[in-house]
Every structure is written in C-alpha cells, then in structure tokens.
Amino acid sequence: MPRISSKHQVTLPVEMLELAGLQAGDEVTFEAEGPDRIVVRRTPAQPGRGLGIFDGLYEPDYLERLRAGERA
C-alpha cells in the first residue's frame, strides 16, 4: 500500500499508471477535489510555452552586428 513520505511524496503503482495511459516523463497536474480525493491529469502539450525565454539575453542589434562582421 503506497504511503505519503515525510517529503510529501507518493509512489504510484505501475499498474495504475498503465491503466491511466501515463508514463515516465509525462507532465501532470494535480487537483484536490475535496476531502480524500486528489486527481492526477496529464498536462496538455504547450508547444509555445518556451517562446520568449531568451528575450533580453543579448543587447539590441547584436545579431545584425554579428552578421555584418561575417560579411566583412
């Protein structure tokens, strides 16, 4: 019988994961649906989630100056 560890972790039985169609590496969300019930759902794919993470990494016009140096 799975138990909640002192770190608030639970190991899910492989059989339950297989029945739910979940596998290692899947991103999931958790929702409490009242006393004694927590629902685990696969997170829908969000392909654009990472867009913009590098904004501000380089100064403005950096790429243009880099390309100009290649042409020289």
C-alpha atoms as a PDB file:
ATOM      1  CA  MET A   1       0.000   0.000   0.000  1.00  0.00           C
ATOM      2  CA  PRO A   2       1.562   3.354  -1.019  1.00  0.00           C
ATOM      3  CA  ARG A   3       2.077   5.913   1.756  1.00  0.00           C
ATOM      4  CA  ILE A   4       2.837   9.612   1.828  1.00  0.00           C
ATOM      5  CA  SER A   5       6.513  10.065   2.738  1.00  0.00           C
ATOM      6  CA  SER A   6       7.931  12.679   5.111  1.00  0.00           C
ATOM      7  CA  LYS A   7       8.791  14.683   1.957  1.00  0.00           C
ATOM      8  CA  HIS A   8       5.125  14.561   0.859  1.00  0.00           C
ATOM      9  CA  GLN A   9       5.896  12.160  -1.988  1.00  0.00           C
ATOM     10  CA  VAL A  10       3.852   9.184  -3.153  1.00  0.00           C
ATOM     11  CA  THR A  11       4.952   6.336  -5.419  1.00  0.00           C
ATOM     12  CA  LEU A  12       2.179   5.475  -7.842  1.00  0.00           C
ATOM     13  CA  PRO A  13       1.679   1.807  -8.698  1.00  0.00           C
ATOM     14  CA  VAL A  14       2.801   0.952 -12.244  1.00  0.00           C
ATOM     15  CA  GLU A  15      -0.492  -0.805 -12.922  1.00  0.00           C
ATOM     16  CA  MET A  16      -2.467   2.375 -12.172  1.00  0.00           C
ATOM     17  CA  LEU A  17      -0.198   4.463 -14.397  1.00  0.00           C
ATOM     18  CA  GLU A  18      -0.594   1.978 -17.242  1.00  0.00           C
ATOM     19  CA  LEU A  19      -4.377   1.941 -16.875  1.00  0.00           C
ATOM     20  CA  ALA A  20      -4.388   5.751 -16.995  1.00  0.00           C
ATOM     21  CA  GLY A  21      -2.059   5.795 -20.016  1.00  0.00           C
ATOM     22  CA  LEU A  22       0.605   7.725 -18.111  1.00  0.00           C
ATOM     23  CA  GLN A  23       4.306   7.023 -18.378  1.00  0.00           C
ATOM     24  CA  ALA A  24       7.625   8.264 -17.044  1.00  0.00           C
ATOM     25  CA  GLY A  25       8.374  11.775 -18.258  1.00  0.00           C
ATOM     26  CA  ASP A  26       4.759  12.849 -18.703  1.00  0.00           C
ATOM     27  CA  GLU A  27       3.974  16.259 -17.232  1.00  0.00           C
ATOM     28  CA  VAL A  28       0.978  16.166 -14.921  1.00  0.00           C
ATOM     29  CA  THR A  29      -1.164  18.489 -12.849  1.00  0.00           C
ATOM     30  CA  PHE A  30      -2.820  17.766  -9.522  1.00  0.00           C
ATOM     31  CA  GLU A  31      -6.246  18.926  -8.378  1.00  0.00           C
ATOM     32  CA  ALA A  32      -7.767  18.458  -4.956  1.00  0.00           C
ATOM     33  CA  GLU A  33     -11.432  17.583  -5.405  1.00  0.00           C
ATOM     34  CA  GLY A  34     -12.433  17.702  -1.789  1.00  0.00           C
ATOM     35  CA  PRO A  35     -11.561  15.551   1.205  1.00  0.00           C
ATOM     36  CA  ASP A  36      -9.740  12.301   0.401  1.00  0.00           C
ATOM     37  CA  ARG A  37      -9.546  12.931  -3.352  1.00  0.00           C
ATOM     38  CA  ILE A  38      -6.637  14.169  -5.493  1.00  0.00           C
ATOM     39  CA  VAL A  39      -6.861  13.868  -9.277  1.00  0.00           C
ATOM     40  CA  VAL A  40      -3.758  13.499 -11.473  1.00  0.00           C
ATOM     41  CA  ARG A  41      -4.113  14.652 -15.093  1.00  0.00           C
ATOM     42  CA  ARG A  42      -1.653  14.717 -17.969  1.00  0.00           C
ATOM     43  CA  THR A  43      -0.774  18.311 -18.854  1.00  0.00           C
ATOM     44  CA  PRO A  44      -1.732  19.129 -22.445  1.00  0.00           C
ATOM     45  CA  ALA A  45       1.206  19.854 -24.742  1.00  0.00           C
ATOM     46  CA  GLN A  46       2.003  23.565 -24.981  1.00  0.00           C
ATOM     47  CA  PRO A  47       4.456  23.965 -27.870  1.00  0.00           C
ATOM     48  CA  GLY A  48       4.741  27.744 -27.494  1.00  0.00           C
ATOM     49  CA  ARG A  49       5.430  27.641 -23.764  1.00  0.00           C
ATOM     50  CA  GLY A  50       9.161  28.219 -24.202  1.00  0.00           C
ATOM     51  CA  LEU A  51       8.875  31.160 -26.574  1.00  0.00           C
ATOM     52  CA  GLY A  52      10.471  34.312 -25.285  1.00  0.00           C
ATOM     53  CA  ILE A  53      12.664  32.703 -22.627  1.00  0.00           C
ATOM     54  CA  PHE A  54      15.750  34.272 -24.201  1.00  0.00           C
ATOM     55  CA  ASP A  55      14.312  37.777 -24.576  1.00  0.00           C
ATOM     56  CA  GLY A  56      16.799  40.309 -23.258  1.00  0.00           C
ATOM     57  CA  LEU A  57      19.703  37.864 -23.355  1.00  0.00           C
ATOM     58  CA  TYR A  58      21.567  39.890 -25.974  1.00  0.00           C
ATOM     59  CA  GLU A  59      21.692  43.631 -26.466  1.00  0.00           C
ATOM     60  CA  PRO A  60      19.608  45.157 -29.289  1.00  0.00           C
ATOM     61  CA  ASP A  61      21.154  44.847 -32.781  1.00  0.00           C
ATOM     62  CA  TYR A  62      23.614  42.155 -31.600  1.00  0.00           C
ATOM     63  CA  LEU A  63      22.657  39.761 -34.381  1.00  0.00           C
ATOM     64  CA  GLU A  64      22.873  42.451 -37.064  1.00  0.00           C
ATOM     65  CA  ARG A  65      26.382  43.441 -35.910  1.00  0.00           C
ATOM     66  CA  LEU A  66      27.430  39.792 -35.822  1.00  0.00           C
ATOM     67  CA  ARG A  67      26.195  39.261 -39.383  1.00  0.00           C
ATOM     68  CA  ALA A  68      27.908  42.463 -40.563  1.00  0.00           C
ATOM     69  CA  GLY A  69      31.207  41.093 -39.221  1.00  0.00           C
ATOM     70  CA  GLU A  70      30.747  37.891 -41.221  1.00  0.00           C
ATOM     71  CA  ARG A  71      30.319  39.880 -44.455  1.00  0.00           C
ATOM     72  CA  ALA A  72      33.454  41.959 -43.899  1.00  0.00           C
END
